[in-house]
C-alpha atoms as a PDB file:
ATOM      1  CA  MET A   1      -0.060  -0.054   0.190  1.00  0.00           C
ATOM      2  CA  SER A   2       3.000   1.879  -0.530  1.00  0.00           C
ATOM      3  CA  ILE A   3       3.190   5.140  -2.856  1.00  0.00           C
ATOM      4  CA  SER A   4       5.549   5.256  -5.635  1.00  0.00           C
ATOM      5  CA  LEU A   5       7.759   8.101  -5.912  1.00  0.00           C
ATOM      6  CA  THR A   6       7.722   9.997  -8.962  1.00  0.00           C
ATOM      7  CA  ASP A   7      10.766  11.823  -8.156  1.00  0.00           C
ATOM      8  CA  SER A   8      12.537   9.910  -5.975  1.00  0.00           C
ATOM      9  CA  PRO A   9      15.219  11.546  -3.115  1.00  0.00           C
ATOM     10  CA  ARG A  10      16.988   7.842  -2.915  1.00  0.00           C
ATOM     11  CA  GLN A  11      19.697   8.526  -6.000  1.00  0.00           C
ATOM     12  CA  ALA A  12      22.663   6.698  -6.027  1.00  0.00           C
ATOM     13  CA  GLY A  13      25.825   8.719  -5.492  1.00  0.00           C
ATOM     14  CA  ARG A  14      24.315  11.573  -3.499  1.00  0.00           C
ATOM     15  CA  PRO A  15      25.567  11.636  -0.295  1.00  0.00           C
ATOM     16  CA  ARG A  16      23.771  12.008   2.855  1.00  0.00           C
ATOM     17  CA  GLU A  17      24.589  14.146   5.878  1.00  0.00           C
ATOM     18  CA  PHE A  18      21.563  13.378   7.733  1.00  0.00           C
ATOM     19  CA  ASP A  19      19.144  10.586   8.741  1.00  0.00           C
ATOM     20  CA  LEU A  20      16.684  10.761   5.773  1.00  0.00           C
ATOM     21  CA  ASP A  21      14.106   8.800   7.470  1.00  0.00           C
ATOM     22  CA  ALA A  22      14.266  11.230  10.775  1.00  0.00           C
ATOM     23  CA  ALA A  23      14.129  13.958   8.410  1.00  0.00           C
ATOM     24  CA  LEU A  24      10.932  12.668   6.677  1.00  0.00           C
ATOM     25  CA  ASP A  25       9.420  11.926   9.976  1.00  0.00           C
ATOM     26  CA  LYS A  26      10.024  15.638  11.155  1.00  0.00           C
ATOM     27  CA  ALA A  27       8.411  17.227   7.603  1.00  0.00           C
ATOM     28  CA  ILE A  28       5.672  14.577   7.978  1.00  0.00           C
ATOM     29  CA  LEU A  29       4.959  16.335  11.351  1.00  0.00           C
ATOM     30  CA  ALA A  30       5.085  19.766   9.904  1.00  0.00           C
ATOM     31  CA  PHE A  31       2.692  18.477   6.790  1.00  0.00           C
ATOM     32  CA  ARG A  32       0.231  17.277   9.203  1.00  0.00           C
ATOM     33  CA  GLU A  33       0.269  20.059  10.974  1.00  0.00           C
ATOM     34  CA  ARG A  34       0.031  23.097   8.591  1.00  0.00           C
ATOM     35  CA  GLY A  35      -1.026  21.479   5.444  1.00  0.00           C
ATOM     36  CA  TYR A  36       0.814  21.365   2.018  1.00  0.00           C
ATOM     37  CA  HIS A  37       0.255  24.812   1.022  1.00  0.00           C
ATOM     38  CA  ALA A  38       0.658  26.592   4.205  1.00  0.00           C
ATOM     39  CA  ALA A  39       4.195  24.647   5.049  1.00  0.00           C
ATOM     40  CA  SER A  40       6.983  26.652   3.692  1.00  0.00           C
ATOM     41  CA  ILE A  41      10.064  25.355   2.864  1.00  0.00           C
ATOM     42  CA  ALA A  42      11.530  27.705   5.854  1.00  0.00           C
ATOM     43  CA  ASP A  43       9.122  26.029   7.923  1.00  0.00           C
ATOM     44  CA  LEU A  44       9.919  22.418   6.799  1.00  0.00           C
ATOM     45  CA  GLY A  45      13.675  23.474   7.152  1.00  0.00           C
ATOM     46  CA  LYS A  46      13.266  24.345  10.564  1.00  0.00           C
ATOM     47  CA  ALA A  47      11.263  21.230  11.605  1.00  0.00           C
ATOM     48  CA  MET A  48      13.690  19.132   9.858  1.00  0.00           C
ATOM     49  CA  GLU A  49      16.577  20.760  11.495  1.00  0.00           C
ATOM     50  CA  LEU A  50      18.258  21.461   7.952  1.00  0.00           C
ATOM     51  CA  THR A  51      19.599  23.831   6.169  1.00  0.00           C
ATOM     52  CA  ALA A  52      18.203  24.738   3.046  1.00  0.00           C
ATOM     53  CA  GLY A  53      21.193  23.647   1.385  1.00  0.00           C
ATOM     54  CA  SER A  54      21.047  20.137   3.035  1.00  0.00           C
ATOM     55  CA  LEU A  55      17.135  20.236   2.270  1.00  0.00           C
ATOM     56  CA  TYR A  56      17.756  20.747  -1.367  1.00  0.00           C
ATOM     57  CA  LYS A  57      20.427  18.202  -1.821  1.00  0.00           C
ATOM     58  CA  ALA A  58      17.962  15.599  -0.937  1.00  0.00           C
ATOM     59  CA  PHE A  59      14.786  17.239  -1.998  1.00  0.00           C
ATOM     60  CA  LYS A  60      14.574  19.274  -5.057  1.00  0.00           C
ATOM     61  CA  ASP A  61      11.395  21.135  -3.978  1.00  0.00           C
ATOM     62  CA  LYS A  62       8.920  21.159  -1.418  1.00  0.00           C
ATOM     63  CA  ARG A  63       6.825  18.759  -4.033  1.00  0.00           C
ATOM     64  CA  THR A  64       9.191  16.109  -4.397  1.00  0.00           C
ATOM     65  CA  LEU A  65       9.864  16.363  -0.377  1.00  0.00           C
ATOM     66  CA  TYR A  66       5.982  16.157   0.142  1.00  0.00           C
ATOM     67  CA  VAL A  67       5.863  12.858  -2.171  1.00  0.00           C
ATOM     68  CA  ALA A  68       8.648  11.313   0.331  1.00  0.00           C
ATOM     69  CA  ALA A  69       6.545  12.297   3.280  1.00  0.00           C
ATOM     70  CA  LEU A  70       3.380  10.921   1.968  1.00  0.00           C
ATOM     71  CA  GLU A  71       5.387   7.138   0.776  1.00  0.00           C
ATOM     72  CA  ARG A  72       6.922   7.015   4.298  1.00  0.00           C
ATOM     73  CA  TYR A  73       3.568   8.314   6.192  1.00  0.00           C
ATOM     74  CA  THR A  74       1.685   5.540   4.410  1.00  0.00           C
ATOM     75  CA  SER A  75       4.125   3.183   5.018  1.00  0.00           C
ATOM     76  CA  LEU A  76       4.223   3.424   8.682  1.00  0.00           C
ATOM     77  CA  ARG A  77       0.559   3.657   8.770  1.00  0.00           C
ATOM     78  CA  ASN A  78       0.005   0.615   6.795  1.00  0.00           C
ATOM     79  CA  ALA A  79       2.853  -1.529   8.645  1.00  0.00           C
ATOM     80  CA  GLY A  80       1.001  -0.219  12.119  1.00  0.00           C
ATOM     81  CA  LEU A  81      -2.152  -1.591  11.043  1.00  0.00           C
ATOM     82  CA  ARG A  82      -1.413  -4.850   9.709  1.00  0.00           C
ATOM     83  CA  ALA A  83       0.627  -5.558  13.055  1.00  0.00           C
ATOM     84  CA  ARG A  84      -2.723  -4.674  14.857  1.00  0.00           C
ATOM     85  CA  MET A  85      -4.663  -7.482  12.592  1.00  0.00           C
ATOM     86  CA  GLU A  86      -2.091  -9.971  12.372  1.00  0.00           C
ATOM     87  CA  GLY A  87      -3.360 -13.227  14.146  1.00  0.00           C
ATOM     88  CA  LEU A  88      -6.904 -12.130  14.261  1.00  0.00           C
ATOM     89  CA  PRO A  89      -9.241 -14.983  13.109  1.00  0.00           C
ATOM     90  CA  THR A  90     -12.189 -13.008  11.615  1.00  0.00           C
ATOM     91  CA  GLY A  91     -12.668 -10.580   9.432  1.00  0.00           C
ATOM     92  CA  ARG A  92     -15.158  -8.715  11.734  1.00  0.00           C
ATOM     93  CA  GLU A  93     -12.375  -9.054  14.569  1.00  0.00           C
ATOM     94  CA  ARG A  94      -9.775  -7.217  11.903  1.00  0.00           C
ATOM     95  CA  LEU A  95     -12.483  -4.843  11.137  1.00  0.00           C
ATOM     96  CA  ARG A  96     -12.440  -3.784  14.716  1.00  0.00           C
ATOM     97  CA  ALA A  97      -8.750  -3.508  15.063  1.00  0.00           C
ATOM     98  CA  VAL A  98      -8.962  -1.098  12.093  1.00  0.00           C
ATOM     99  CA  LEU A  99     -11.240   1.197  13.768  1.00  0.00           C
ATOM    100  CA  ASP A 100      -9.352   0.735  16.673  1.00  0.00           C
ATOM    101  CA  PHE A 101      -6.201   1.783  15.088  1.00  0.00           C
ATOM    102  CA  TYR A 102      -8.055   5.118  13.862  1.00  0.00           C
ATOM    103  CA  VAL A 103      -9.396   5.638  17.619  1.00  0.00           C
ATOM    104  CA  ASP A 104      -5.957   5.599  18.597  1.00  0.00           C
ATOM    105  CA  SER A 105      -4.863   8.100  16.059  1.00  0.00           C
ATOM    106  CA  ALA A 106      -7.906  10.497  16.466  1.00  0.00           C
ATOM    107  CA  HIS A 107      -7.569  11.859  20.217  1.00  0.00           C
ATOM    108  CA  ASP A 108      -5.443  14.475  22.431  1.00  0.00           C
ATOM    109  CA  LEU A 109      -2.537  15.558  20.670  1.00  0.00           C
ATOM    110  CA  GLU A 110      -1.949  12.847  17.959  1.00  0.00           C
ATOM    111  CA  GLY A 111      -5.704  14.215  17.141  1.00  0.00           C
ATOM    112  CA  ARG A 112      -5.022  17.754  16.648  1.00  0.00           C
ATOM    113  CA  ARG A 113      -1.609  16.823  14.283  1.00  0.00           C
ATOM    114  CA  GLY A 114      -4.279  14.867  11.913  1.00  0.00           C
ATOM    115  CA  CYS A 115      -3.762  12.600   9.324  1.00  0.00           C
ATOM    116  CA  LEU A 116      -1.338  13.300   6.260  1.00  0.00           C
ATOM    117  CA  VAL A 117      -4.091  11.749   3.680  1.00  0.00           C
ATOM    118  CA  VAL A 118      -7.038  13.025   5.307  1.00  0.00           C
ATOM    119  CA  GLY A 119      -5.618  16.694   5.356  1.00  0.00           C
ATOM    120  CA  SER A 120      -4.214  15.952   1.949  1.00  0.00           C
ATOM    121  CA  ALA A 121      -7.895  15.178   0.820  1.00  0.00           C
ATOM    122  CA  VAL A 122      -9.326  18.295   2.179  1.00  0.00           C
ATOM    123  CA  GLU A 123      -6.730  20.095   0.327  1.00  0.00           C
ATOM    124  CA  LEU A 124      -7.073  18.190  -3.201  1.00  0.00           C
ATOM    125  CA  VAL A 125      -8.698  20.902  -5.486  1.00  0.00           C
ATOM    126  CA  THR A 126      -6.037  22.898  -4.661  1.00  0.00           C
ATOM    127  CA  LEU A 127      -3.166  20.408  -5.404  1.00  0.00           C
ATOM    128  CA  ASP A 128      -1.738  19.539  -8.768  1.00  0.00           C
ATOM    129  CA  ASP A 129      -3.307  16.478 -10.852  1.00  0.00           C
ATOM    130  CA  ASP A 130      -0.531  14.065  -9.869  1.00  0.00           C
ATOM    131  CA  LEU A 131      -0.231  14.789  -6.354  1.00  0.00           C
ATOM    132  CA  ALA A 132      -4.451  15.047  -6.299  1.00  0.00           C
ATOM    133  CA  GLU A 133      -4.389  10.902  -7.894  1.00  0.00           C
ATOM    134  CA  LEU A 134      -1.511   9.722  -5.218  1.00  0.00           C
ATOM    135  CA  VAL A 135      -3.893  11.137  -2.150  1.00  0.00           C
ATOM    136  CA  ALA A 136      -7.021   9.392  -4.351  1.00  0.00           C
ATOM    137  CA  GLN A 137      -4.937   6.332  -4.606  1.00  0.00           C
ATOM    138  CA  ALA A 138      -4.073   6.219  -0.777  1.00  0.00           C
ATOM    139  CA  LEU A 139      -7.995   6.349  -0.050  1.00  0.00           C
ATOM    140  CA  ARG A 140      -8.639   3.821  -2.776  1.00  0.00           C
ATOM    141  CA  ARG A 141      -6.454   1.622  -1.213  1.00  0.00           C
ATOM    142  CA  ASN A 142      -7.892   2.152   2.539  1.00  0.00           C
ATOM    143  CA  GLU A 143     -11.265   1.384   0.887  1.00  0.00           C
ATOM    144  CA  ALA A 144     -10.162  -1.913  -1.114  1.00  0.00           C
ATOM    145  CA  LEU A 145      -8.749  -3.533   2.546  1.00  0.00           C
ATOM    146  CA  LEU A 146     -12.174  -3.027   4.288  1.00  0.00           C
ATOM    147  CA  ILE A 147     -14.105  -4.573   1.263  1.00  0.00           C
ATOM    148  CA  GLU A 148     -11.144  -7.428   1.580  1.00  0.00           C
ATOM    149  CA  LEU A 149     -12.063  -7.599   5.372  1.00  0.00           C
ATOM    150  CA  ILE A 150     -15.972  -7.623   4.974  1.00  0.00           C
ATOM    151  CA  ARG A 151     -15.587 -10.327   2.319  1.00  0.00           C
ATOM    152  CA  ARG A 152     -13.349 -12.180   4.525  1.00  0.00           C
ATOM    153  CA  GLY A 153     -15.598 -11.573   7.253  1.00  0.00           C
ATOM    154  CA  GLN A 154     -18.664 -12.941   4.980  1.00  0.00           C
ATOM    155  CA  THR A 155     -16.801 -16.003   4.365  1.00  0.00           C
ATOM    156  CA  ASP A 156     -16.063 -16.964   7.845  1.00  0.00           C
ATOM    157  CA  GLY A 157     -19.444 -16.081   9.343  1.00  0.00           C
ATOM    158  CA  SER A 158     -18.664 -12.947  11.257  1.00  0.00           C
ATOM    159  CA  VAL A 159     -20.340 -10.299   8.817  1.00  0.00           C
ATOM    160  CA  ASN A 160     -23.863 -10.275   7.426  1.00  0.00           C
ATOM    161  CA  PRO A 161     -23.352 -12.160   4.330  1.00  0.00           C
ATOM    162  CA  TYR A 162     -26.092 -10.056   2.547  1.00  0.00           C
ATOM    163  CA  LEU A 163     -24.476  -6.876   2.835  1.00  0.00           C
ATOM    164  CA  ASP A 164     -22.737  -4.768  -0.462  1.00  0.00           C
ATOM    165  CA  PRO A 165     -19.217  -5.110   0.697  1.00  0.00           C
ATOM    166  CA  SER A 166     -18.742  -2.103  -1.410  1.00  0.00           C
ATOM    167  CA  GLU A 167     -21.307  -0.213  -0.089  1.00  0.00           C
ATOM    168  CA  ALA A 168     -20.480  -1.298   3.753  1.00  0.00           C
ATOM    169  CA  ALA A 169     -16.441  -0.317   3.101  1.00  0.00           C
ATOM    170  CA  ARG A 170     -17.520   3.042   1.851  1.00  0.00           C
ATOM    171  CA  THR A 171     -19.664   3.663   5.131  1.00  0.00           C
ATOM    172  CA  LEU A 172     -16.937   2.791   7.494  1.00  0.00           C
ATOM    173  CA  LEU A 173     -14.378   4.764   5.284  1.00  0.00           C
ATOM    174  CA  CYS A 174     -16.438   7.416   6.107  1.00  0.00           C
ATOM    175  CA  VAL A 175     -16.260   6.511   9.788  1.00  0.00           C
ATOM    176  CA  LEU A 176     -12.730   6.378   9.687  1.00  0.00           C
ATOM    177  CA  LEU A 177     -12.234   9.920   7.813  1.00  0.00           C
ATOM    178  CA  GLY A 178     -14.341  11.445  10.037  1.00  0.00           C
ATOM    179  CA  MET A 179     -12.506  10.464  12.971  1.00  0.00           C
ATOM    180  CA  ARG A 180      -9.590  11.956  12.145  1.00  0.00           C
ATOM    181  CA  VAL A 181     -11.217  15.409  11.065  1.00  0.00           C
ATOM    182  CA  ILE A 182     -12.836  15.637  14.604  1.00  0.00           C
ATOM    183  CA  GLY A 183      -9.668  14.641  16.165  1.00  0.00           C
ATOM    184  CA  LYS A 184      -8.053  17.655  15.247  1.00  0.00           C
ATOM    185  CA  THR A 185     -10.633  19.421  17.603  1.00  0.00           C
ATOM    186  CA  GLY A 186      -8.777  17.236  20.421  1.00  0.00           C
ATOM    187  CA  ARG A 187     -11.573  14.649  21.638  1.00  0.00           C
ATOM    188  CA  ARG A 188     -10.815  12.376  24.193  1.00  0.00           C
ATOM    189  CA  HIS A 189     -10.223   8.856  23.645  1.00  0.00           C
ATOM    190  CA  GLY A 190     -13.145   7.867  25.290  1.00  0.00           C
ATOM    191  CA  ASP A 191     -15.388  10.053  23.095  1.00  0.00           C
ATOM    192  CA  MET A 192     -13.703   8.299  19.937  1.00  0.00           C
ATOM    193  CA  ALA A 193     -14.012   4.678  21.457  1.00  0.00           C
ATOM    194  CA  ALA A 194     -17.536   4.488  21.823  1.00  0.00           C
ATOM    195  CA  ILE A 195     -17.815   4.991  18.057  1.00  0.00           C
ATOM    196  CA  VAL A 196     -16.730   1.551  17.302  1.00  0.00           C
ATOM    197  CA  ASP A 197     -19.322  -0.677  18.292  1.00  0.00           C
ATOM    198  CA  LEU A 198     -22.070   1.798  16.967  1.00  0.00           C
ATOM    199  CA  ALA A 199     -20.063   1.753  13.585  1.00  0.00           C
ATOM    200  CA  LEU A 200     -19.854  -2.067  13.522  1.00  0.00           C
ATOM    201  CA  LYS A 201     -23.168  -2.391  13.570  1.00  0.00           C
ATOM    202  CA  VAL A 202     -23.246  -1.702   9.835  1.00  0.00           C
ATOM    203  CA  LEU A 203     -22.080  -5.254   9.624  1.00  0.00           C
ATOM    204  CA  ASP A 204     -24.984  -6.812  11.123  1.00  0.00           C
END
């Protein structure tokens, strides 16, 4: 579920004077908090603790940095999500794990920082076509995962077999994205956790 880089910063022979992944993690936080357009090169350099020269050695511009940050963000999130689902026997239990994963990301400080994908989706109309498509792809992959888990649940008997998997997945995706938007207001964990049981009733 990772996103391919159009302009990869990992070109052979280019010297590294810093930990690229650690720098990207700091860029991710800046993009999450400010959004793509509001995060200036100066903001990003300060957040990444890099001089403009070092930043441009690795990334030719803000767009290239954003693509690399989005790739790393989705890769890390997907790895964390897979770890939550690992070993769970039914589709319904895995869907609960997905919902719980989003709950954990949508409260207090973490919630206020927001989701890079959801924040970018809000900015979608102002992004160029290629960036907009990267964000749309990330959302489509999330929806595809939900469809897969719903079908798994229908096979193992934990999800209503008469549900339309696509419609149910789209409904749950709206719940997940809504959690991240509401989480920007600093909701408490308990406020968000109460949503899970109600959302899972979609599967009955």
